[in-house]
Amino acid sequence: MRLSMDEIINAVCLHLAERHQVPVTTVEVELMYDDELGFNAEVWVEGRSRYLVEANLKEAIIRYLLTEYGRRVYPDDIRLELNEEIEAAITPTA
């Protein structure tokens, strides 16, 4: 299974809106890749900026897959990749 960049952004928006108990429309996300920092994101929740690292992105993806697809996965099952855009490859372990 693969998640597109848009789905990853949706996952982060939904996750942060739920954690901060704010409307999802008040969350903005910009995914990034840096050779030194790896995959990360700058997010704004009700106008306040913060940065997320890869582990935070995987946490949001895990929650998204469970709520939207009914699939339980673990951080080791998720591989973030940089192709034309940032994508997540999901390979559940047996």
N, C-alpha and C. Protein backbone atom coordinates (compact mmCIF):
# COMPACT_ATOMS: atom_id res chain seq x y z
N MET A 1 0.85 -1.17 0.00
CA MET A 1 0.00 0.00 0.00
C MET A 1 0.90 1.24 0.00
N ARG A 2 0.45 2.27 -0.69
CA ARG A 2 1.20 3.53 -0.74
C ARG A 2 0.26 4.68 -0.39
N LEU A 3 0.81 5.65 0.31
CA LEU A 3 0.08 6.89 0.58
C LEU A 3 0.75 8.01 -0.19
N SER A 4 -0.06 8.82 -0.84
CA SER A 4 0.46 9.96 -1.58
C SER A 4 0.80 11.08 -0.61
N MET A 5 1.44 12.10 -1.13
CA MET A 5 1.79 13.26 -0.32
C MET A 5 0.53 13.91 0.26
N ASP A 6 -0.53 13.98 -0.53
CA ASP A 6 -1.78 14.56 -0.05
C ASP A 6 -2.35 13.76 1.12
N GLU A 7 -2.27 12.43 1.04
CA GLU A 7 -2.79 11.61 2.13
C GLU A 7 -1.94 11.77 3.39
N ILE A 8 -0.62 11.91 3.22
CA ILE A 8 0.24 12.13 4.39
C ILE A 8 -0.11 13.46 5.05
N ILE A 9 -0.31 14.48 4.23
CA ILE A 9 -0.71 15.79 4.76
C ILE A 9 -2.04 15.68 5.49
N ASN A 10 -3.00 14.98 4.90
CA ASN A 10 -4.30 14.77 5.57
C ASN A 10 -4.11 14.06 6.90
N ALA A 11 -3.24 13.05 6.92
CA ALA A 11 -2.99 12.30 8.15
C ALA A 11 -2.46 13.21 9.24
N VAL A 12 -1.50 14.06 8.89
CA VAL A 12 -0.91 14.98 9.87
C VAL A 12 -1.95 15.99 10.34
N CYS A 13 -2.73 16.54 9.42
CA CYS A 13 -3.78 17.51 9.78
C CYS A 13 -4.79 16.89 10.75
N LEU A 14 -5.28 15.72 10.42
CA LEU A 14 -6.26 15.06 11.27
C LEU A 14 -5.68 14.73 12.64
N HIS A 15 -4.46 14.23 12.64
CA HIS A 15 -3.80 13.85 13.89
C HIS A 15 -3.61 15.06 14.82
N LEU A 16 -3.08 16.14 14.27
CA LEU A 16 -2.83 17.32 15.10
C LEU A 16 -4.12 18.00 15.54
N ALA A 17 -5.12 18.01 14.67
CA ALA A 17 -6.41 18.60 15.06
C ALA A 17 -7.01 17.85 16.24
N GLU A 18 -6.90 16.52 16.19
CA GLU A 18 -7.43 15.72 17.29
C GLU A 18 -6.61 15.93 18.57
N ARG A 19 -5.29 15.94 18.45
CA ARG A 19 -4.43 16.10 19.63
C ARG A 19 -4.61 17.46 20.31
N HIS A 20 -4.81 18.49 19.49
CA HIS A 20 -4.93 19.84 20.05
C HIS A 20 -6.38 20.29 20.20
N GLN A 21 -7.30 19.40 19.85
CA GLN A 21 -8.73 19.66 19.96
C GLN A 21 -9.11 20.98 19.28
N VAL A 22 -8.72 21.07 18.01
CA VAL A 22 -9.03 22.24 17.19
C VAL A 22 -9.66 21.75 15.89
N PRO A 23 -10.35 22.61 15.16
CA PRO A 23 -10.88 22.20 13.86
C PRO A 23 -9.74 21.88 12.90
N VAL A 24 -9.95 20.86 12.09
CA VAL A 24 -8.91 20.44 11.14
C VAL A 24 -8.55 21.56 10.16
N THR A 25 -9.48 22.47 9.93
CA THR A 25 -9.23 23.59 9.01
C THR A 25 -8.23 24.59 9.56
N THR A 26 -7.89 24.49 10.85
CA THR A 26 -6.92 25.42 11.44
C THR A 26 -5.49 24.85 11.42
N VAL A 27 -5.33 23.68 10.79
CA VAL A 27 -4.01 23.04 10.72
C VAL A 27 -3.49 23.11 9.29
N GLU A 28 -2.24 23.57 9.15
CA GLU A 28 -1.57 23.60 7.84
C GLU A 28 -0.28 22.81 7.94
N VAL A 29 0.09 22.13 6.86
CA VAL A 29 1.27 21.27 6.86
C VAL A 29 2.10 21.50 5.60
N GLU A 30 3.41 21.58 5.78
CA GLU A 30 4.34 21.60 4.65
C GLU A 30 5.36 20.50 4.88
N LEU A 31 5.28 19.44 4.05
CA LEU A 31 6.24 18.34 4.15
C LEU A 31 7.55 18.74 3.49
N MET A 32 8.66 18.24 4.07
CA MET A 32 9.97 18.58 3.53
C MET A 32 10.91 17.39 3.65
N TYR A 33 11.95 17.43 2.82
CA TYR A 33 13.04 16.46 2.95
C TYR A 33 14.34 17.24 2.91
N ASP A 34 15.23 16.91 3.83
CA ASP A 34 16.54 17.55 3.91
C ASP A 34 17.58 16.43 4.05
N ASP A 35 18.71 16.55 3.34
CA ASP A 35 19.73 15.51 3.41
C ASP A 35 20.24 15.27 4.83
N GLU A 36 20.30 16.31 5.64
CA GLU A 36 20.79 16.16 7.01
C GLU A 36 19.68 15.77 7.98
N LEU A 37 18.51 16.36 7.83
CA LEU A 37 17.41 16.14 8.78
C LEU A 37 16.48 15.01 8.37
N GLY A 38 16.52 14.60 7.12
CA GLY A 38 15.60 13.57 6.64
C GLY A 38 14.21 14.15 6.40
N PHE A 39 13.20 13.31 6.55
CA PHE A 39 11.81 13.74 6.34
C PHE A 39 11.33 14.50 7.57
N ASN A 40 10.69 15.62 7.33
CA ASN A 40 10.16 16.42 8.42
C ASN A 40 9.03 17.29 7.87
N ALA A 41 8.43 18.05 8.75
CA ALA A 41 7.33 18.93 8.33
C ALA A 41 7.29 20.15 9.21
N GLU A 42 6.91 21.26 8.60
CA GLU A 42 6.58 22.44 9.38
C GLU A 42 5.06 22.51 9.41
N VAL A 43 4.52 22.65 10.59
CA VAL A 43 3.06 22.69 10.73
C VAL A 43 2.66 23.94 11.49
N TRP A 44 1.47 24.39 11.18
CA TRP A 44 0.88 25.52 11.87
C TRP A 44 -0.46 25.07 12.43
N VAL A 45 -0.61 25.18 13.73
CA VAL A 45 -1.87 24.85 14.39
C VAL A 45 -2.40 26.15 14.97
N GLU A 46 -3.51 26.60 14.42
CA GLU A 46 -4.11 27.88 14.81
C GLU A 46 -3.07 29.00 14.78
N GLY A 47 -2.22 28.98 13.73
CA GLY A 47 -1.24 30.04 13.53
C GLY A 47 0.08 29.85 14.25
N ARG A 48 0.19 28.87 15.12
CA ARG A 48 1.45 28.62 15.84
C ARG A 48 2.26 27.59 15.10
N SER A 49 3.53 27.92 14.85
CA SER A 49 4.41 27.06 14.07
C SER A 49 5.14 26.05 14.96
N ARG A 50 5.37 24.87 14.40
CA ARG A 50 6.20 23.84 15.06
C ARG A 50 6.74 22.92 13.98
N TYR A 51 7.75 22.16 14.34
CA TYR A 51 8.35 21.20 13.40
C TYR A 51 8.11 19.79 13.88
N LEU A 52 7.87 18.91 12.93
CA LEU A 52 7.71 17.49 13.22
C LEU A 52 8.85 16.73 12.56
N VAL A 53 9.33 15.70 13.22
CA VAL A 53 10.36 14.84 12.66
C VAL A 53 9.70 13.59 12.09
N GLU A 54 10.50 12.72 11.48
CA GLU A 54 9.96 11.53 10.82
C GLU A 54 9.12 10.66 11.75
N ALA A 55 9.53 10.52 12.98
CA ALA A 55 8.76 9.70 13.94
C ALA A 55 7.36 10.27 14.15
N ASN A 56 7.25 11.60 14.19
CA ASN A 56 5.94 12.24 14.34
C ASN A 56 5.07 11.99 13.11
N LEU A 57 5.69 12.04 11.93
CA LEU A 57 4.95 11.78 10.69
C LEU A 57 4.43 10.35 10.67
N LYS A 58 5.27 9.41 11.10
CA LYS A 58 4.84 8.01 11.13
C LYS A 58 3.70 7.81 12.13
N GLU A 59 3.76 8.49 13.26
CA GLU A 59 2.68 8.41 14.26
C GLU A 59 1.36 8.85 13.65
N ALA A 60 1.39 9.94 12.89
CA ALA A 60 0.17 10.43 12.24
C ALA A 60 -0.32 9.43 11.19
N ILE A 61 0.60 8.84 10.44
CA ILE A 61 0.23 7.86 9.40
C ILE A 61 -0.39 6.62 10.04
N ILE A 62 0.18 6.17 11.15
CA ILE A 62 -0.36 5.00 11.86
C ILE A 62 -1.81 5.24 12.27
N ARG A 63 -2.06 6.39 12.85
CA ARG A 63 -3.42 6.73 13.30
C ARG A 63 -4.37 6.84 12.10
N TYR A 64 -3.90 7.46 11.02
CA TYR A 64 -4.70 7.64 9.80
C TYR A 64 -5.08 6.29 9.20
N LEU A 65 -4.12 5.38 9.10
CA LEU A 65 -4.41 4.06 8.52
C LEU A 65 -5.41 3.29 9.36
N LEU A 66 -5.33 3.46 10.67
CA LEU A 66 -6.27 2.75 11.54
C LEU A 66 -7.67 3.33 11.42
N THR A 67 -7.79 4.66 11.44
CA THR A 67 -9.13 5.27 11.41
C THR A 67 -9.75 5.28 10.02
N GLU A 68 -8.96 5.48 8.99
CA GLU A 68 -9.50 5.60 7.64
C GLU A 68 -9.59 4.27 6.89
N TYR A 69 -8.66 3.35 7.17
CA TYR A 69 -8.61 2.08 6.43
C TYR A 69 -8.81 0.86 7.33
N GLY A 70 -8.87 1.06 8.63
CA GLY A 70 -9.01 -0.07 9.54
C GLY A 70 -7.80 -0.98 9.56
N ARG A 71 -6.63 -0.44 9.22
CA ARG A 71 -5.40 -1.24 9.17
C ARG A 71 -4.48 -0.84 10.31
N ARG A 72 -4.00 -1.82 11.04
CA ARG A 72 -3.05 -1.57 12.13
C ARG A 72 -1.65 -1.84 11.60
N VAL A 73 -0.83 -0.81 11.66
CA VAL A 73 0.57 -0.94 11.25
C VAL A 73 1.47 -0.35 12.34
N TYR A 74 2.74 -0.60 12.22
CA TYR A 74 3.72 -0.15 13.20
C TYR A 74 4.76 0.73 12.50
N PRO A 75 5.51 1.53 13.26
CA PRO A 75 6.49 2.43 12.63
C PRO A 75 7.45 1.74 11.66
N ASP A 76 7.88 0.53 12.01
CA ASP A 76 8.81 -0.20 11.13
C ASP A 76 8.16 -0.63 9.82
N ASP A 77 6.83 -0.60 9.76
CA ASP A 77 6.10 -0.98 8.54
C ASP A 77 6.02 0.17 7.54
N ILE A 78 6.43 1.37 7.95
CA ILE A 78 6.27 2.57 7.12
C ILE A 78 7.64 3.05 6.66
N ARG A 79 7.77 3.23 5.35
CA ARG A 79 9.00 3.78 4.78
C ARG A 79 8.65 5.02 3.98
N LEU A 80 9.16 6.16 4.41
CA LEU A 80 8.94 7.40 3.67
C LEU A 80 9.94 7.46 2.53
N GLU A 81 9.46 7.86 1.36
CA GLU A 81 10.29 7.90 0.16
C GLU A 81 10.13 9.22 -0.56
N LEU A 82 11.18 9.62 -1.23
CA LEU A 82 11.16 10.85 -2.03
C LEU A 82 11.27 10.45 -3.49
N ASN A 83 10.17 10.56 -4.21
CA ASN A 83 10.14 10.31 -5.65
C ASN A 83 9.84 11.65 -6.31
N GLU A 84 8.80 11.76 -7.07
CA GLU A 84 8.35 13.06 -7.58
C GLU A 84 7.88 13.93 -6.42
N GLU A 85 7.33 13.26 -5.41
CA GLU A 85 6.87 13.90 -4.18
C GLU A 85 7.14 12.93 -3.04
N ILE A 86 6.89 13.37 -1.82
CA ILE A 86 7.07 12.49 -0.67
C ILE A 86 5.91 11.51 -0.61
N GLU A 87 6.23 10.24 -0.46
CA GLU A 87 5.23 9.18 -0.37
C GLU A 87 5.56 8.27 0.79
N ALA A 88 4.57 7.49 1.21
CA ALA A 88 4.79 6.49 2.27
C ALA A 88 4.47 5.12 1.71
N ALA A 89 5.44 4.22 1.81
CA ALA A 89 5.24 2.82 1.41
C ALA A 89 4.93 2.05 2.68
N ILE A 90 3.80 1.34 2.69
CA ILE A 90 3.37 0.59 3.86
C ILE A 90 3.52 -0.89 3.56
N THR A 91 4.35 -1.56 4.36
CA THR A 91 4.57 -2.98 4.19
C THR A 91 4.40 -3.65 5.55
N PRO A 92 3.19 -4.07 5.88
CA PRO A 92 2.95 -4.68 7.20
C PRO A 92 3.75 -5.97 7.37
N THR A 93 4.32 -6.13 8.54
CA THR A 93 5.03 -7.37 8.86
C THR A 93 4.02 -8.44 9.23
N ALA A 94 4.38 -9.65 8.96
CA ALA A 94 3.45 -10.77 9.21
C ALA A 94 3.37 -11.11 10.67
